[in-house]
Amino acid sequence: MSIRENSPTGSGTDPRPVLERENPPAPDPPVSRGRQILLYVLVVGLSVALILAGLWSGVRHYGGHGTHTTGGVRTTAADTFAHLLLALPVVLLLCHLMSRLFQRMAQPGVIGEICVGILLGPSLLGLSWPTGYHWLLPESLNGSINVLAQLGLIFFMFLVGYELDLRQVRGRGRIVLMISHVGIAVPMLSGVLLALVGYSSLAPHDVGFVPFALFFAVSMSITAFPVLARILIDRRMERTRLGALALACAAVGDVTAWCLLTVVVATTGHSSGFGVARTLLSTLVFSAVMWGVIRPALARLEGAGREQPRRLSDAAVLPALLAAIMLAALATDRIGIHAIFGAFLLGVIVPRGSVTVEVASARMRDLTVTLLLPLFFVYSGLRTEFGLFGSDPRLWSWCLTITAVAVIGKWGSTVAAARGLGIPGGEALALGTLMNCRGLTELIVLNVGLDLKVITPTLFTMFVTMALVSTVMTSPVLTLIDRLANSRRNRKDDNDPQRGDRGRRHGGLDDRHLPEADLQG
């Protein structure tokens, strides 16, 4: 029988569904409202009564309180979760407000977020209002914050690697390598010298001199590539030749610093030369597999914007990317180096030019920067204790010495290298100031050292102070250099009216004198 046969209208075009035409709705049963209510009360009421009787019987037989410990664990977990739900809105709101405040002060917003971690930690809130500090961030919450912070950290390191454009290094030849490596070698030397002097008083008791000195040296030589890029964008310098040179030097410095930190972690984890060599060899093999096998496989899987069709749907890109990040982080953690290296390397090798990957990375960035990374700042702030210095002038002197040596060593070596390559004084000073920015990258390195117990909480606090001072001073010093360059240029223009305003420049920082031959390699 066809769908339209036996239509009640006889036209064969009844629009009602077949089942509805063949089985019309049944009328309500002829039961009075009173009987319906009585039936409901009897069935449901009897069931509730039997449930209560069963519970009462169980209480009489087994007692009102359980003999197992699972109830206590559930209560503790519930309390921790409740505290987390209370602390998160406070952290996120304060991070947003402080970020906006520091941006109005011509500072990177990330500095304000780092300050939030210190303000909520034992150095300020814990010192001025201990009750409020323990109520907002009880000790039981540290484990949960640490897990979320480490998760945000590996996602952020992937984004750092993904946004690290190594093409900026190509075609810039000797000038990039010489400036970046001189700006690393000299601060590392100053770090080793300070470690020689301070090993007996600053190092943990069970840490050898070599890992302590190497970590000290690496911590003195860091440049924060993400924060530097943010400063250049805010000052509209990213497209100038000076800005491009600074980004290229910072990119080389970033890669070099992570490689050096890998050596430090490997050295710390093994007391024998064989163990260190095995860890480093495993790291090289992992890097080769990632570059030679995983990278082409990712390009084929995604299509990377080429003419071949993509083999991964848009909806699957983000879950696949998150899974890959965590597996790469797990691999380097099992090798014996930190999990951040696997995430960073994966970010470096992910093929560029794919719209879906860029969209997935943007979604990941929103979650990481908004929610997870502030927890990393809070966790770092909980570990920063200025109260450890007390009234000991020796510790305060060490803090000032580390800060001064780190700033002067990084700035001075970069300026000297730039001047030696023919870069004029104003541009060399600005480049040294930019490379002296440490910020978030320094904080990541310091947390690795504290986790490995290579440094003490006291030395951790000293290095955090150095990182904040060197980063906060970047924008004001750049503004000062810019004004001095403007003033000098105006005086020259007054003496030579024909000079005018030749050449492309950013404000007073004229970068047209950068050695063209070296920039082109």
Protein backbone atom coordinates (compact mmCIF):
# COMPACT_ATOMS: atom_id res chain seq x y z
CA MET A 1 0.00 0.00 0.00
CA SER A 2 1.42 3.37 -0.98
CA ILE A 3 1.79 6.31 1.39
CA ARG A 4 -1.08 8.20 -0.17
CA GLU A 5 -3.56 5.29 -0.48
CA ASN A 6 -6.82 5.20 1.52
CA SER A 7 -6.62 8.84 2.42
CA PRO A 8 -9.58 9.84 4.62
CA THR A 9 -10.27 12.75 2.31
CA GLY A 10 -10.21 10.54 -0.76
CA SER A 11 -7.94 13.00 -2.56
CA GLY A 12 -4.73 11.07 -2.00
CA THR A 13 -2.99 14.21 -0.77
CA ASP A 14 -3.59 14.05 2.99
CA PRO A 15 -0.60 15.93 4.48
CA ARG A 16 -0.72 14.07 7.82
CA PRO A 17 1.96 11.46 8.56
CA VAL A 18 1.03 7.89 7.69
CA LEU A 19 1.17 6.64 11.28
CA GLU A 20 -1.01 9.46 12.42
CA ARG A 21 -3.61 8.71 9.74
CA GLU A 22 -3.65 4.98 10.35
CA ASN A 23 -3.39 5.25 14.17
CA PRO A 24 -5.28 8.31 15.38
CA PRO A 25 -4.55 9.49 18.95
CA ALA A 26 -6.45 7.53 21.57
CA PRO A 27 -8.88 9.45 23.75
CA ASP A 28 -8.09 10.04 27.44
CA PRO A 29 -9.03 7.08 29.61
CA PRO A 30 -12.38 7.49 31.34
CA VAL A 31 -10.82 7.80 34.86
CA SER A 32 -11.86 10.56 37.23
CA ARG A 33 -9.35 13.06 38.60
CA GLY A 34 -9.85 11.76 42.14
CA ARG A 35 -8.94 8.20 41.16
CA GLN A 36 -5.80 9.46 39.37
CA ILE A 37 -4.64 11.32 42.48
CA LEU A 38 -5.38 8.33 44.70
CA LEU A 39 -3.42 5.99 42.41
CA TYR A 40 -0.44 8.39 42.39
CA VAL A 41 -0.41 8.72 46.18
CA LEU A 42 -0.63 4.96 46.70
CA VAL A 43 2.15 4.02 44.27
CA VAL A 44 4.61 6.86 44.89
CA GLY A 45 3.83 7.19 48.59
CA LEU A 46 4.26 3.46 49.18
CA SER A 47 7.59 3.53 47.32
CA VAL A 48 8.89 6.44 49.43
CA ALA A 49 7.78 4.72 52.60
CA LEU A 50 9.60 1.52 51.65
CA ILE A 51 12.76 3.53 50.77
CA LEU A 52 12.73 5.21 54.18
CA ALA A 53 12.15 1.85 55.88
CA GLY A 54 15.13 0.36 54.06
CA LEU A 55 17.36 3.27 55.07
CA TRP A 56 16.22 3.02 58.70
CA SER A 57 16.88 -0.70 58.72
CA GLY A 58 20.37 -0.17 57.31
CA VAL A 59 21.17 2.47 59.93
CA ARG A 60 20.09 0.10 62.73
CA HIS A 61 22.14 -2.73 61.29
CA TYR A 62 25.34 -0.92 60.17
CA GLY A 63 25.28 2.21 62.30
CA GLY A 64 24.87 5.86 61.32
CA HIS A 65 28.57 6.48 60.50
CA GLY A 66 30.68 4.54 58.06
CA THR A 67 33.76 2.67 59.15
CA HIS A 68 35.69 3.46 55.95
CA THR A 69 37.78 6.55 55.19
CA THR A 70 36.25 7.34 51.82
CA GLY A 71 33.80 9.78 53.35
CA GLY A 72 36.65 11.92 54.73
CA VAL A 73 38.42 11.93 51.38
CA ARG A 74 35.26 13.03 49.61
CA THR A 75 34.80 15.85 52.09
CA THR A 76 38.40 17.03 51.64
CA ALA A 77 38.10 16.92 47.86
CA ALA A 78 34.84 18.86 48.02
CA ASP A 79 36.42 21.50 50.27
CA THR A 80 39.39 21.83 47.91
CA PHE A 81 37.11 22.20 44.90
CA ALA A 82 35.03 24.81 46.72
CA HIS A 83 38.16 26.79 47.62
CA LEU A 84 39.31 26.57 44.00
CA LEU A 85 35.98 27.92 42.79
CA LEU A 86 36.38 30.79 45.25
CA ALA A 87 40.02 31.57 44.45
CA LEU A 88 39.72 31.44 40.65
CA PRO A 89 37.34 34.43 40.25
CA VAL A 90 39.54 36.50 42.59
CA VAL A 91 42.70 35.62 40.67
CA LEU A 92 41.15 36.21 37.25
CA LEU A 93 39.61 39.55 38.24
CA LEU A 94 42.81 40.83 39.84
CA CYS A 95 44.92 39.69 36.89
CA HIS A 96 42.62 41.52 34.48
CA LEU A 97 42.63 44.72 36.54
CA MET A 98 46.39 44.72 37.12
CA SER A 99 47.06 43.95 33.47
CA ARG A 100 44.96 46.95 32.41
CA LEU A 101 46.64 49.13 35.02
CA PHE A 102 50.15 48.25 33.88
CA GLN A 103 49.19 48.73 30.24
CA ARG A 104 48.07 52.25 31.10
CA MET A 105 51.52 52.75 32.62
CA ALA A 106 53.11 51.71 29.29
CA GLN A 107 54.15 48.34 30.73
CA PRO A 108 53.41 44.85 29.41
CA GLY A 109 50.21 43.48 30.93
CA VAL A 110 51.99 40.28 31.92
CA ILE A 111 54.00 42.25 34.52
CA GLY A 112 50.78 43.17 36.27
CA GLU A 113 49.71 39.52 36.26
CA ILE A 114 53.05 38.46 37.74
CA CYS A 115 52.61 41.10 40.44
CA VAL A 116 49.19 39.64 41.28
CA GLY A 117 50.86 36.34 42.10
CA ILE A 118 53.29 38.10 44.44
CA LEU A 119 50.55 40.23 46.01
CA LEU A 120 48.41 37.16 46.78
CA GLY A 121 51.41 35.20 48.08
CA PRO A 122 53.10 35.12 51.48
CA SER A 123 55.16 38.23 50.67
CA LEU A 124 52.21 40.64 50.93
CA LEU A 125 48.79 39.10 51.67
CA GLY A 126 50.29 36.40 53.87
CA LEU A 127 52.36 38.99 55.74
CA SER A 128 49.69 41.67 56.16
CA TRP A 129 46.59 39.46 56.59
CA PRO A 130 47.54 35.84 57.39
CA THR A 131 43.94 34.81 58.10
CA GLY A 132 42.71 36.06 54.74
CA TYR A 133 45.67 34.50 52.97
CA HIS A 134 45.03 31.03 54.43
CA TRP A 135 41.29 31.41 53.82
CA LEU A 136 41.66 32.36 50.15
CA LEU A 137 44.62 30.10 49.30
CA PRO A 138 44.84 27.29 51.86
CA GLU A 139 47.77 24.92 51.69
CA SER A 140 45.49 22.12 50.48
CA LEU A 141 44.91 24.13 47.31
CA ASN A 142 48.59 24.17 46.26
CA GLY A 143 48.44 20.79 44.57
CA SER A 144 45.43 21.68 42.43
CA ILE A 145 46.88 25.06 41.47
CA ASN A 146 50.19 23.43 40.56
CA VAL A 147 48.55 20.86 38.27
CA LEU A 148 46.53 23.50 36.43
CA ALA A 149 49.54 25.81 36.29
CA GLN A 150 51.78 23.12 34.78
CA LEU A 151 49.10 22.27 32.24
CA GLY A 152 48.86 25.93 31.28
CA LEU A 153 52.64 26.12 31.13
CA ILE A 154 53.04 23.37 28.54
CA PHE A 155 50.24 24.87 26.43
CA PHE A 156 51.92 28.26 26.65
CA MET A 157 55.30 26.81 25.68
CA PHE A 158 53.69 25.24 22.62
CA LEU A 159 52.33 28.67 21.68
CA VAL A 160 55.77 30.22 22.18
CA GLY A 161 57.29 27.65 19.85
CA TYR A 162 54.48 28.04 17.32
CA GLU A 163 54.77 31.82 17.26
CA LEU A 164 58.56 31.70 17.07
CA ASP A 165 59.14 32.68 13.45
CA LEU A 166 62.57 31.30 12.58
CA ARG A 167 62.31 32.97 9.19
CA GLN A 168 63.27 36.19 10.94
CA VAL A 169 66.72 34.73 11.49
CA ARG A 170 67.23 33.80 7.86
CA GLY A 171 68.99 36.39 5.77
CA ARG A 172 70.32 38.32 8.76
CA GLY A 173 73.64 36.52 8.87
CA ARG A 174 76.40 37.20 11.30
CA ILE A 175 74.84 40.15 13.08
CA VAL A 176 72.04 38.11 14.69
CA LEU A 177 74.22 35.23 15.87
CA MET A 178 76.97 37.47 17.19
CA ILE A 179 74.71 39.82 19.12
CA SER A 180 72.50 37.10 20.59
CA HIS A 181 75.33 34.75 21.54
CA VAL A 182 77.54 37.50 22.97
CA GLY A 183 74.47 38.63 24.94
CA ILE A 184 74.21 35.11 26.34
CA ALA A 185 77.88 34.23 26.88
CA VAL A 186 78.85 37.29 28.93
CA PRO A 187 75.88 37.09 31.36
CA MET A 188 76.54 33.36 31.74
CA LEU A 189 80.15 34.13 32.63
CA SER A 190 79.01 36.66 35.22
CA GLY A 191 76.61 34.04 36.58
CA VAL A 192 79.36 31.46 36.99
CA LEU A 193 81.54 34.03 38.78
CA LEU A 194 78.70 34.91 41.16
CA ALA A 195 78.09 31.18 41.73
CA LEU A 196 81.75 30.75 42.69
CA VAL A 197 81.38 33.41 45.35
CA GLY A 198 77.91 32.48 46.59
CA TYR A 199 77.87 28.69 46.36
CA SER A 200 78.63 28.09 50.03
CA SER A 201 75.93 30.46 51.27
CA LEU A 202 73.21 30.34 48.57
CA ALA A 203 73.22 26.78 47.15
CA PRO A 204 71.16 23.92 48.60
CA HIS A 205 73.23 21.55 50.70
CA ASP A 206 72.80 18.48 48.48
CA VAL A 207 73.42 20.16 45.09
CA GLY A 208 76.81 20.02 43.40
CA PHE A 209 78.58 23.11 42.16
CA VAL A 210 78.29 22.33 38.43
CA PRO A 211 74.45 22.17 38.21
CA PHE A 212 74.15 25.12 40.57
CA ALA A 213 76.58 27.27 38.60
CA LEU A 214 75.08 26.27 35.23
CA PHE A 215 71.58 27.12 36.40
CA PHE A 216 72.81 30.39 37.89
CA ALA A 217 74.46 31.22 34.56
CA VAL A 218 71.42 30.37 32.42
CA SER A 219 69.13 32.40 34.69
CA MET A 220 71.32 35.47 34.15
CA SER A 221 71.23 35.19 30.34
CA ILE A 222 67.48 34.85 29.60
CA THR A 223 65.54 37.10 27.23
CA ALA A 224 61.73 36.89 27.23
CA PHE A 225 60.80 36.59 23.56
CA PRO A 226 56.98 36.81 24.11
CA VAL A 227 57.22 39.89 26.35
CA LEU A 228 59.74 41.56 24.02
CA ALA A 229 57.42 41.02 21.06
CA ARG A 230 54.54 42.54 23.05
CA ILE A 231 56.61 45.62 23.89
CA LEU A 232 57.59 46.11 20.24
CA ILE A 233 53.96 45.79 19.11
CA ASP A 234 52.76 48.25 21.74
CA ARG A 235 55.42 50.75 20.63
CA ARG A 236 54.76 50.03 16.92
CA MET A 237 58.37 48.99 16.40
CA GLU A 238 57.84 45.42 15.20
CA ARG A 239 58.10 46.40 11.51
CA THR A 240 61.16 48.63 11.84
CA ARG A 241 64.58 47.21 11.08
CA LEU A 242 65.56 47.69 14.72
CA GLY A 243 62.46 45.78 15.87
CA ALA A 244 63.07 43.00 13.36
CA LEU A 245 66.67 42.71 14.51
CA ALA A 246 65.60 42.56 18.16
CA LEU A 247 63.03 39.84 17.42
CA ALA A 248 65.57 37.81 15.46
CA CYS A 249 68.17 38.07 18.24
CA ALA A 250 65.57 37.17 20.85
CA ALA A 251 64.45 34.15 18.79
CA VAL A 252 68.01 32.83 18.58
CA GLY A 253 68.52 33.59 22.27
CA ASP A 254 65.31 31.80 23.22
CA VAL A 255 66.24 28.61 21.37
CA THR A 256 69.79 28.75 22.79
CA ALA A 257 68.51 29.29 26.33
CA TRP A 258 66.14 26.30 26.17
CA CYS A 259 68.95 24.11 24.84
CA LEU A 260 71.22 25.25 27.67
CA LEU A 261 68.49 24.62 30.22
CA THR A 262 68.13 21.11 28.81
CA VAL A 263 71.80 20.52 29.60
CA VAL A 264 71.32 21.92 33.11
CA VAL A 265 68.33 19.66 33.80
CA ALA A 266 70.20 16.64 32.46
CA THR A 267 73.21 17.48 34.62
CA THR A 268 71.03 17.90 37.70
CA GLY A 269 69.21 14.60 37.23
CA HIS A 270 72.37 12.48 37.02
CA SER A 271 75.50 12.38 39.10
CA SER A 272 77.54 10.46 36.52
CA GLY A 273 78.78 11.62 33.14
CA PHE A 274 77.23 8.52 31.54
CA GLY A 275 73.76 9.46 32.79
CA VAL A 276 74.10 13.00 31.50
CA ALA A 277 75.33 11.77 28.10
CA ARG A 278 72.46 9.27 27.86
CA THR A 279 69.88 11.96 28.64
CA LEU A 280 71.38 14.37 26.12
CA LEU A 281 71.59 11.65 23.47
CA SER A 282 67.96 10.71 24.09
CA THR A 283 67.03 14.39 23.74
CA LEU A 284 68.88 14.63 20.40
CA VAL A 285 67.16 11.47 19.13
CA PHE A 286 63.77 12.81 20.21
CA SER A 287 64.45 16.13 18.48
CA ALA A 288 65.55 14.37 15.30
CA VAL A 289 62.41 12.20 15.28
CA MET A 290 60.22 15.24 15.85
CA TRP A 291 61.87 17.17 13.03
CA GLY A 292 62.40 14.37 10.54
CA VAL A 293 59.35 12.16 11.11
CA ILE A 294 56.62 13.98 13.05
CA ARG A 295 56.93 17.26 11.18
CA PRO A 296 56.35 15.75 7.69
CA ALA A 297 53.59 13.57 9.10
CA LEU A 298 51.83 16.61 10.52
CA ALA A 299 52.16 18.38 7.18
CA ARG A 300 50.58 15.42 5.36
CA LEU A 301 47.87 14.99 7.98
CA GLU A 302 46.82 18.63 8.00
CA GLY A 303 47.59 19.45 4.39
CA ALA A 304 49.28 22.65 5.60
CA GLY A 305 47.34 24.78 3.14
CA ARG A 306 48.70 23.00 0.08
CA GLU A 307 46.71 21.63 -2.84
CA GLN A 308 46.16 18.17 -1.34
CA PRO A 309 42.99 17.72 0.72
CA ARG A 310 43.31 17.77 4.47
CA ARG A 311 42.98 14.43 6.20
CA LEU A 312 41.83 15.91 9.50
CA SER A 313 38.47 17.59 9.99
CA ASP A 314 38.23 21.07 11.45
CA ALA A 315 36.57 19.78 14.63
CA ALA A 316 39.37 17.25 15.22
CA VAL A 317 42.28 19.71 14.93
CA LEU A 318 42.10 21.17 18.45
CA PRO A 319 41.68 17.81 20.29
CA ALA A 320 44.48 16.30 18.19
CA LEU A 321 46.71 19.30 18.92
CA LEU A 322 46.08 19.14 22.66
CA ALA A 323 46.77 15.41 22.70
CA ALA A 324 50.00 15.88 20.73
CA ILE A 325 51.19 18.60 23.12
CA MET A 326 50.63 16.42 26.17
CA LEU A 327 52.28 13.38 24.57
CA ALA A 328 55.32 15.42 23.51
CA ALA A 329 55.55 16.87 27.03
CA LEU A 330 55.27 13.37 28.49
CA ALA A 331 58.07 12.12 26.22
CA THR A 332 60.58 14.76 27.33
CA ASP A 333 59.53 14.31 30.95
CA ARG A 334 60.24 10.57 30.68
CA ILE A 335 63.57 11.27 28.96
CA GLY A 336 64.63 13.16 32.06
CA ILE A 337 64.28 16.76 30.98
CA HIS A 338 61.33 19.01 31.74
CA ALA A 339 57.95 18.55 30.05
CA ILE A 340 58.03 22.10 28.66
CA PHE A 341 60.73 21.15 26.15
CA GLY A 342 58.51 18.66 24.34
CA ALA A 343 55.67 21.17 24.09
CA PHE A 344 58.04 23.90 22.87
CA LEU A 345 59.62 21.67 20.22
CA LEU A 346 56.21 20.56 18.97
CA GLY A 347 55.23 24.21 18.57
CA VAL A 348 58.38 24.84 16.52
CA ILE A 349 57.75 21.97 14.09
CA VAL A 350 53.99 22.37 13.56
CA PRO A 351 53.54 23.44 9.91
CA ARG A 352 52.63 27.08 9.36
CA GLY A 353 50.09 28.40 6.89
CA SER A 354 47.13 26.29 8.01
CA VAL A 355 44.03 28.30 8.87
CA THR A 356 42.56 25.51 11.01
CA VAL A 357 45.74 25.18 13.08
CA GLU A 358 45.85 28.94 13.57
CA VAL A 359 42.22 28.96 14.68
CA ALA A 360 42.84 26.05 17.06
CA SER A 361 45.94 27.79 18.46
CA ALA A 362 43.94 30.99 18.99
CA ARG A 363 41.28 29.06 20.92
CA MET A 364 44.00 27.39 22.98
CA ARG A 365 45.62 30.77 23.65
CA ASP A 366 42.32 32.20 24.93
CA LEU A 367 41.97 29.43 27.49
CA THR A 368 45.65 29.40 28.44
CA VAL A 369 46.23 33.14 28.81
CA THR A 370 42.87 33.84 30.45
CA LEU A 371 42.59 30.96 32.92
CA LEU A 372 45.64 28.71 33.23
CA LEU A 373 48.57 31.13 32.98
CA PRO A 374 47.30 33.38 35.82
CA LEU A 375 47.36 30.28 38.01
CA PHE A 376 51.02 29.85 37.10
CA PHE A 377 51.66 33.42 38.27
CA VAL A 378 49.82 32.71 41.52
CA TYR A 379 51.78 29.49 42.02
CA SER A 380 55.04 31.38 41.43
CA GLY A 381 53.87 34.09 43.83
CA LEU A 382 53.17 31.48 46.50
CA ARG A 383 56.82 30.42 46.18
CA THR A 384 58.18 33.99 46.34
CA GLU A 385 58.85 34.96 49.94
CA PHE A 386 60.58 38.26 50.60
CA GLY A 387 60.18 37.49 54.27
CA LEU A 388 63.01 34.96 53.88
CA PHE A 389 65.42 37.89 53.61
CA GLY A 390 64.32 39.17 57.00
CA SER A 391 66.66 41.85 58.25
CA ASP A 392 69.76 40.06 57.01
CA PRO A 393 71.77 42.69 55.10
CA ARG A 394 73.82 39.97 53.43
CA LEU A 395 70.78 38.50 51.67
CA TRP A 396 69.52 41.93 50.60
CA SER A 397 73.00 42.72 49.27
CA TRP A 398 72.98 39.50 47.26
CA CYS A 399 69.58 40.39 45.81
CA LEU A 400 70.83 43.83 44.72
CA THR A 401 74.06 42.36 43.37
CA ILE A 402 72.30 39.71 41.28
CA THR A 403 69.92 42.31 39.86
CA ALA A 404 72.67 44.80 39.03
CA VAL A 405 75.05 42.23 37.51
CA ALA A 406 72.26 40.65 35.43
CA VAL A 407 71.06 44.00 34.05
CA ILE A 408 74.52 45.43 33.37
CA GLY A 409 75.91 42.16 31.98
CA LYS A 410 73.07 41.57 29.50
CA TRP A 411 72.70 45.20 28.48
CA GLY A 412 76.41 45.95 28.30
CA SER A 413 77.36 42.84 26.30
CA THR A 414 74.55 43.39 23.78
CA VAL A 415 75.42 47.07 23.33
CA ALA A 416 79.12 46.28 22.94
CA ALA A 417 78.43 43.58 20.34
CA ALA A 418 76.09 45.87 18.41
CA ARG A 419 78.54 48.75 18.44
CA GLY A 420 81.32 46.44 17.34
CA LEU A 421 79.23 45.49 14.30
CA GLY A 422 78.76 49.12 13.29
CA ILE A 423 75.30 49.85 14.73
CA PRO A 424 75.04 53.49 15.88
CA GLY A 425 74.92 54.31 19.58
CA GLY A 426 71.19 55.04 19.93
CA GLU A 427 70.11 51.85 18.18
CA ALA A 428 72.69 49.79 20.09
CA LEU A 429 71.44 51.16 23.43
CA ALA A 430 67.84 50.40 22.47
CA LEU A 431 68.74 46.89 21.35
CA GLY A 432 70.55 46.21 24.63
CA THR A 433 67.53 47.46 26.56
CA LEU A 434 65.16 45.19 24.62
CA MET A 435 67.34 42.11 25.07
CA ASN A 436 67.46 42.80 28.81
CA CYS A 437 63.72 42.06 29.09
CA ARG A 438 63.26 38.76 30.98
CA GLY A 439 59.67 38.59 32.22
CA LEU A 440 57.71 35.37 31.90
CA THR A 441 60.49 33.26 30.39
CA GLU A 442 62.70 33.89 33.42
CA LEU A 443 59.83 32.90 35.71
CA ILE A 444 59.43 29.59 33.85
CA VAL A 445 63.15 28.84 34.15
CA LEU A 446 63.17 29.70 37.85
CA ASN A 447 60.25 27.39 38.60
CA VAL A 448 62.08 24.57 36.84
CA GLY A 449 65.11 25.20 39.03
CA LEU A 450 63.06 25.29 42.21
CA ASP A 451 61.25 22.07 41.25
CA LEU A 452 64.61 20.39 40.68
CA LYS A 453 65.84 21.81 44.01
CA VAL A 454 68.85 23.36 42.26
CA ILE A 455 68.08 26.68 43.95
CA THR A 456 66.60 27.53 47.32
CA PRO A 457 63.38 29.53 47.85
CA THR A 458 65.57 32.44 48.96
CA LEU A 459 67.56 32.46 45.72
CA PHE A 460 64.33 31.96 43.77
CA THR A 461 62.98 35.18 45.31
CA MET A 462 66.17 37.03 44.41
CA PHE A 463 65.92 35.96 40.78
CA VAL A 464 62.21 36.88 40.65
CA THR A 465 63.16 40.36 41.84
CA MET A 466 65.79 40.60 39.12
CA ALA A 467 63.30 39.47 36.46
CA LEU A 468 60.72 42.06 37.51
CA VAL A 469 63.21 44.94 37.69
CA SER A 470 64.83 44.16 34.33
CA THR A 471 61.44 43.84 32.61
CA VAL A 472 59.76 46.88 34.20
CA MET A 473 62.68 49.13 33.27
CA THR A 474 62.52 48.19 29.55
CA SER A 475 59.76 50.55 28.40
CA PRO A 476 60.88 53.63 30.41
CA VAL A 477 64.48 53.24 29.28
CA LEU A 478 63.37 52.87 25.64
CA THR A 479 61.35 56.07 25.99
CA LEU A 480 64.36 57.88 27.47
CA ILE A 481 66.64 56.69 24.65
CA ASP A 482 64.02 57.73 22.11
CA ARG A 483 63.79 61.23 23.56
CA LEU A 484 67.57 61.63 23.68
CA ALA A 485 67.84 60.50 20.06
CA ASN A 486 65.08 62.92 19.07
CA SER A 487 66.80 65.78 20.87
CA ARG A 488 70.14 65.07 19.23
CA ARG A 489 68.54 64.74 15.82
CA ASN A 490 66.67 68.01 16.24
CA ARG A 491 69.90 69.81 17.09
CA LYS A 492 71.54 68.39 13.97
CA ASP A 493 68.55 69.39 11.86
CA ASP A 494 68.75 72.94 13.21
CA ASN A 495 72.42 73.13 12.27
CA ASP A 496 71.82 71.56 8.85
CA PRO A 497 68.43 72.62 7.39
CA GLN A 498 69.07 70.48 4.30
CA ARG A 499 69.32 67.35 6.41
CA GLY A 500 65.60 67.30 7.19
CA ASP A 501 64.13 64.06 8.23
CA ARG A 502 65.73 61.56 5.86
CA GLY A 503 65.44 57.84 6.29
CA ARG A 504 62.79 55.64 7.79
CA ARG A 505 62.75 55.70 11.56
CA HIS A 506 60.58 55.01 14.57
CA GLY A 507 60.32 58.16 16.66
CA GLY A 508 63.86 59.18 17.50
CA LEU A 509 65.41 55.75 16.94
CA ASP A 510 66.74 55.90 13.40
CA ASP A 511 67.60 52.40 12.16
CA ARG A 512 68.59 53.23 8.61
CA HIS A 513 72.29 52.87 9.53
CA LEU A 514 72.09 49.13 10.30
CA PRO A 515 74.74 47.29 8.23
CA GLU A 516 72.82 46.23 5.13
CA ALA A 517 75.34 43.58 4.10
CA ASP A 518 75.13 41.80 7.43
CA LEU A 519 71.36 42.06 7.53
CA GLN A 520 71.18 40.32 4.19
CA GLY A 521 73.61 37.62 5.32
